[in-house]
Amino acid sequence: MLSQSDRIKIAKRVVEELPEGAVVNLGVGIPTLIPDYLNGKKVYLQSENGLLGIGPTPDEEHVNMDLISASKKPITMDTGASLFDSADSFVIIRGGHVDAAVLGALQVDRFGEIANWAVPGKSILGVGGAMDLVAGAKKIIIASTHQAKNHQPKLVEKLTFPSSGVRKAEMLVTEHAVFRFTDDGPVLVEKLSDLSMSELRDITGTEFKEKIKL
């Protein structure tokens, strides 16, 4: 299982990719850590259940379960935050007003196509807005573990899980590496752990090129 420190490492690395003033939608899992690690950067975090302006995670004494993210996690409202209904929230997403979406993934193929809503043969508890975000956000960043719980790689040659949409992600950040997707496949641009290049290739499900910052 991924340690909390590794989850935080991924969240912090993703924050580096968010431009000042951007409207950013956060998906389930590791992306929910981002509000706590902005380090003063001003971005407008959107929750698809109807909030623009998510603040840091509340401490236990200030949890209000009437104020939750789309991931059902307790959140706070930043100064100037606004509330609206889900219909308006999806108008923001489908209207192209989200600068970046940070999503988790079950699989990502070598060109950045994402599967993040269903595992074949497993119950589907809720689809969420991933398909809308994949189509509507200006930039897609995947924040994910490098491998699934069964140790299968998440970056794969070809999806075997249902796709979330034909639109491709721009980049993938895991506890071990940062990849950018190109028409020729993934390019390793940064290594985030002590794995050797050989070890990294062994746990990655497709070939990748290197243009790396160590």
Protein backbone atom coordinates (compact mmCIF):
# COMPACT_ATOMS: atom_id res chain seq x y z
CA MET A 1 0.00 0.00 0.00
CA LEU A 2 1.20 3.48 -0.81
CA SER A 3 2.41 5.43 2.21
CA GLN A 4 0.87 8.76 3.14
CA SER A 5 4.23 10.43 2.50
CA ASP A 6 4.23 9.10 -1.06
CA ARG A 7 0.64 10.29 -1.58
CA ILE A 8 1.68 13.74 -0.37
CA LYS A 9 4.74 13.66 -2.64
CA ILE A 10 2.48 13.08 -5.65
CA ALA A 11 0.09 15.86 -4.59
CA LYS A 12 2.94 18.35 -4.12
CA ARG A 13 4.41 17.51 -7.54
CA VAL A 14 1.04 18.04 -9.20
CA VAL A 15 0.73 21.47 -7.53
CA GLU A 16 3.86 22.53 -9.47
CA GLU A 17 1.85 22.02 -12.67
CA LEU A 18 -1.07 24.25 -11.66
CA PRO A 19 -0.77 27.83 -12.92
CA GLU A 20 -1.59 30.72 -10.61
CA GLY A 21 -5.26 31.69 -10.90
CA ALA A 22 -6.34 28.45 -12.59
CA VAL A 23 -9.73 26.81 -12.05
CA VAL A 24 -8.90 23.22 -11.08
CA ASN A 25 -11.23 20.27 -10.54
CA LEU A 26 -10.06 17.61 -8.10
CA GLY A 27 -10.89 13.94 -8.49
CA VAL A 28 -11.12 11.19 -5.90
CA GLY A 29 -8.16 9.89 -3.89
CA ILE A 30 -4.73 11.53 -4.06
CA PRO A 31 -6.09 14.72 -5.75
CA THR A 32 -8.08 15.47 -2.57
CA LEU A 33 -4.75 16.16 -0.79
CA ILE A 34 -3.95 19.11 -3.06
CA PRO A 35 -5.79 21.84 -1.07
CA ASP A 36 -3.39 21.24 1.84
CA TYR A 37 -0.20 21.61 -0.21
CA LEU A 38 -0.71 24.68 -2.38
CA ASN A 39 1.95 26.51 -0.35
CA GLY A 40 0.45 29.92 -1.04
CA LYS A 41 -0.35 29.37 -4.71
CA LYS A 42 -3.76 30.83 -5.51
CA VAL A 43 -5.87 28.48 -7.57
CA TYR A 44 -9.65 28.06 -7.58
CA LEU A 45 -10.48 24.49 -6.68
CA GLN A 46 -13.78 23.20 -7.98
CA SER A 47 -15.84 20.33 -6.62
CA GLU A 48 -18.35 18.97 -9.13
CA ASN A 49 -21.03 18.72 -6.43
CA GLY A 50 -21.24 22.51 -6.41
CA LEU A 51 -18.37 24.52 -4.95
CA LEU A 52 -15.70 26.76 -6.42
CA GLY A 53 -13.10 27.73 -3.85
CA ILE A 54 -12.20 24.66 -1.79
CA GLY A 55 -9.99 25.52 1.17
CA PRO A 56 -7.69 23.34 3.31
CA THR A 57 -8.97 20.19 5.00
CA PRO A 58 -10.64 21.06 8.34
CA ASP A 59 -9.31 19.71 11.61
CA GLU A 60 -11.57 17.27 13.49
CA GLU A 61 -13.14 19.99 15.64
CA HIS A 62 -14.32 21.93 12.60
CA VAL A 63 -15.63 19.15 10.36
CA ASN A 64 -19.05 19.98 8.91
CA MET A 65 -20.42 17.05 6.92
CA ASP A 66 -22.79 19.39 5.12
CA LEU A 67 -19.67 20.72 3.44
CA ILE A 68 -18.02 17.88 1.53
CA SER A 69 -16.20 17.34 -1.72
CA ALA A 70 -17.40 15.16 -4.59
CA SER A 71 -15.32 12.47 -2.88
CA LYS A 72 -17.48 12.83 0.26
CA LYS A 73 -14.48 14.19 2.19
CA PRO A 74 -14.92 17.12 4.60
CA ILE A 75 -13.66 20.38 3.13
CA THR A 76 -13.64 24.09 3.92
CA MET A 77 -14.48 27.09 1.79
CA ASP A 78 -11.71 29.50 0.88
CA THR A 79 -12.28 33.27 0.98
CA GLY A 80 -14.56 34.23 -1.92
CA ALA A 81 -15.81 30.69 -2.50
CA SER A 82 -19.18 30.21 -4.20
CA LEU A 83 -21.81 27.50 -3.94
CA PHE A 84 -24.13 26.35 -6.74
CA ASP A 85 -26.10 23.30 -7.78
CA SER A 86 -24.71 20.32 -9.67
CA ALA A 87 -26.30 21.45 -12.92
CA ASP A 88 -24.32 24.70 -12.88
CA SER A 89 -21.23 22.78 -11.82
CA PHE A 90 -21.45 20.61 -14.93
CA VAL A 91 -22.08 23.69 -17.06
CA ILE A 92 -18.70 24.96 -15.82
CA ILE A 93 -17.07 21.64 -16.73
CA ARG A 94 -18.81 21.05 -20.09
CA GLY A 95 -18.50 24.69 -21.05
CA GLY A 96 -14.71 24.50 -21.03
CA HIS A 97 -14.19 26.73 -17.98
CA VAL A 98 -12.00 24.28 -16.01
CA ASP A 99 -8.33 24.95 -16.69
CA ALA A 100 -7.13 21.63 -15.31
CA ALA A 101 -8.57 18.44 -13.85
CA VAL A 102 -6.49 16.28 -11.53
CA LEU A 103 -7.86 12.75 -11.66
CA GLY A 104 -7.01 9.32 -10.32
CA ALA A 105 -6.85 6.38 -12.71
CA LEU A 106 -7.21 2.64 -12.84
CA GLN A 107 -5.18 2.51 -16.06
CA VAL A 108 -3.55 4.96 -18.46
CA ASP A 109 -2.44 3.84 -21.90
CA ARG A 110 0.80 4.84 -23.61
CA PHE A 111 -0.85 7.83 -25.27
CA GLY A 112 -2.66 9.10 -22.16
CA GLU A 113 -6.12 7.61 -22.65
CA ILE A 114 -7.64 7.01 -19.21
CA ALA A 115 -9.74 4.29 -17.58
CA ASN A 116 -10.94 5.47 -14.18
CA TRP A 117 -14.55 4.50 -13.61
CA ALA A 118 -15.05 0.72 -13.73
CA VAL A 119 -13.24 -2.60 -13.36
CA PRO A 120 -14.77 -5.37 -15.51
CA GLY A 121 -16.74 -7.78 -13.32
CA LYS A 122 -16.86 -5.45 -10.32
CA SER A 123 -19.86 -3.53 -9.04
CA ILE A 124 -20.06 0.08 -10.21
CA LEU A 125 -20.90 2.23 -7.20
CA GLY A 126 -20.86 5.61 -8.90
CA VAL A 127 -19.57 6.92 -12.18
CA GLY A 128 -19.08 10.57 -11.19
CA GLY A 129 -18.06 13.27 -13.64
CA ALA A 130 -14.84 11.81 -15.03
CA MET A 131 -16.21 11.54 -18.58
CA ASP A 132 -17.30 15.17 -18.53
CA LEU A 133 -13.95 16.30 -17.13
CA VAL A 134 -11.96 14.26 -19.65
CA ALA A 135 -13.93 15.94 -22.43
CA GLY A 136 -14.26 19.42 -20.97
CA ALA A 137 -11.16 20.36 -18.96
CA LYS A 138 -8.37 22.17 -20.79
CA LYS A 139 -5.66 20.01 -19.20
CA ILE A 140 -5.80 16.55 -17.64
CA ILE A 141 -3.26 15.50 -15.01
CA ILE A 142 -3.34 11.99 -13.61
CA ALA A 143 -2.24 11.62 -9.98
CA SER A 144 -1.96 7.93 -9.23
CA THR A 145 -0.03 5.08 -7.71
CA HIS A 146 2.43 3.51 -10.14
CA GLN A 147 0.89 0.08 -9.60
CA ALA A 148 -2.53 -1.20 -8.56
CA LYS A 149 -3.06 -3.10 -5.30
CA ASN A 150 -2.44 -6.34 -7.21
CA HIS A 151 0.92 -4.90 -8.33
CA GLN A 152 -0.19 -4.62 -11.94
CA PRO A 153 1.15 -1.50 -13.67
CA LYS A 154 -1.26 1.36 -14.24
CA LEU A 155 0.66 2.78 -17.20
CA VAL A 156 -0.08 0.17 -19.85
CA GLU A 157 0.35 -0.44 -23.55
CA LYS A 158 -3.41 -0.66 -24.16
CA LEU A 159 -6.41 -0.24 -21.85
CA THR A 160 -8.19 -3.40 -20.71
CA PHE A 161 -10.64 -1.47 -18.51
CA PRO A 162 -13.46 0.73 -19.92
CA SER A 163 -12.17 4.03 -21.25
CA SER A 164 -13.33 7.30 -19.70
CA GLY A 165 -13.15 9.06 -23.08
CA VAL A 166 -11.03 9.45 -26.18
CA ARG A 167 -9.45 12.65 -24.89
CA LYS A 168 -5.88 12.07 -23.66
CA ALA A 169 -4.20 13.17 -20.43
CA GLU A 170 -1.23 15.48 -20.71
CA MET A 171 0.75 13.92 -17.88
CA LEU A 172 0.94 11.22 -15.21
CA VAL A 173 2.48 11.71 -11.76
CA THR A 174 3.18 8.64 -9.61
CA GLU A 175 5.29 8.06 -6.49
CA HIS A 176 8.15 7.02 -8.76
CA ALA A 177 8.00 9.18 -11.86
CA VAL A 178 6.51 11.98 -13.93
CA PHE A 179 5.55 11.14 -17.51
CA ARG A 180 4.31 13.44 -20.27
CA PHE A 181 2.34 11.92 -23.11
CA THR A 182 3.24 12.53 -26.74
CA ASP A 183 2.09 11.15 -30.10
CA ASP A 184 5.05 8.76 -29.83
CA GLY A 185 4.13 7.51 -26.36
CA PRO A 186 5.12 8.39 -22.79
CA VAL A 187 8.24 10.38 -22.01
CA LEU A 188 9.82 10.15 -18.57
CA VAL A 189 10.61 13.72 -17.52
CA GLU A 190 11.36 13.27 -13.82
CA LYS A 191 12.15 10.44 -11.43
CA LEU A 192 10.68 10.85 -7.94
CA SER A 193 12.06 7.79 -6.15
CA ASP A 194 15.31 5.89 -5.75
CA LEU A 195 14.34 3.15 -8.20
CA SER A 196 16.93 2.46 -10.86
CA MET A 197 15.87 2.99 -14.45
CA SER A 198 15.81 -0.77 -14.91
CA GLU A 199 13.57 -1.23 -11.86
CA LEU A 200 11.26 1.53 -13.08
CA ARG A 201 10.93 -0.12 -16.49
CA ASP A 202 10.18 -3.46 -14.78
CA ILE A 203 7.14 -2.05 -12.96
CA THR A 204 5.86 -0.01 -15.92
CA GLY A 205 3.55 -1.69 -18.40
CA THR A 206 4.81 -0.04 -21.57
CA GLU A 207 8.00 1.32 -23.07
CA PHE A 208 8.85 4.95 -22.50
CA LYS A 209 11.44 7.44 -23.68
CA GLU A 210 13.61 9.45 -21.33
CA LYS A 211 14.02 13.20 -21.18
CA ILE A 212 14.70 13.21 -17.54
CA LYS A 213 15.43 15.68 -14.76
CA LEU A 214 17.05 13.79 -11.86
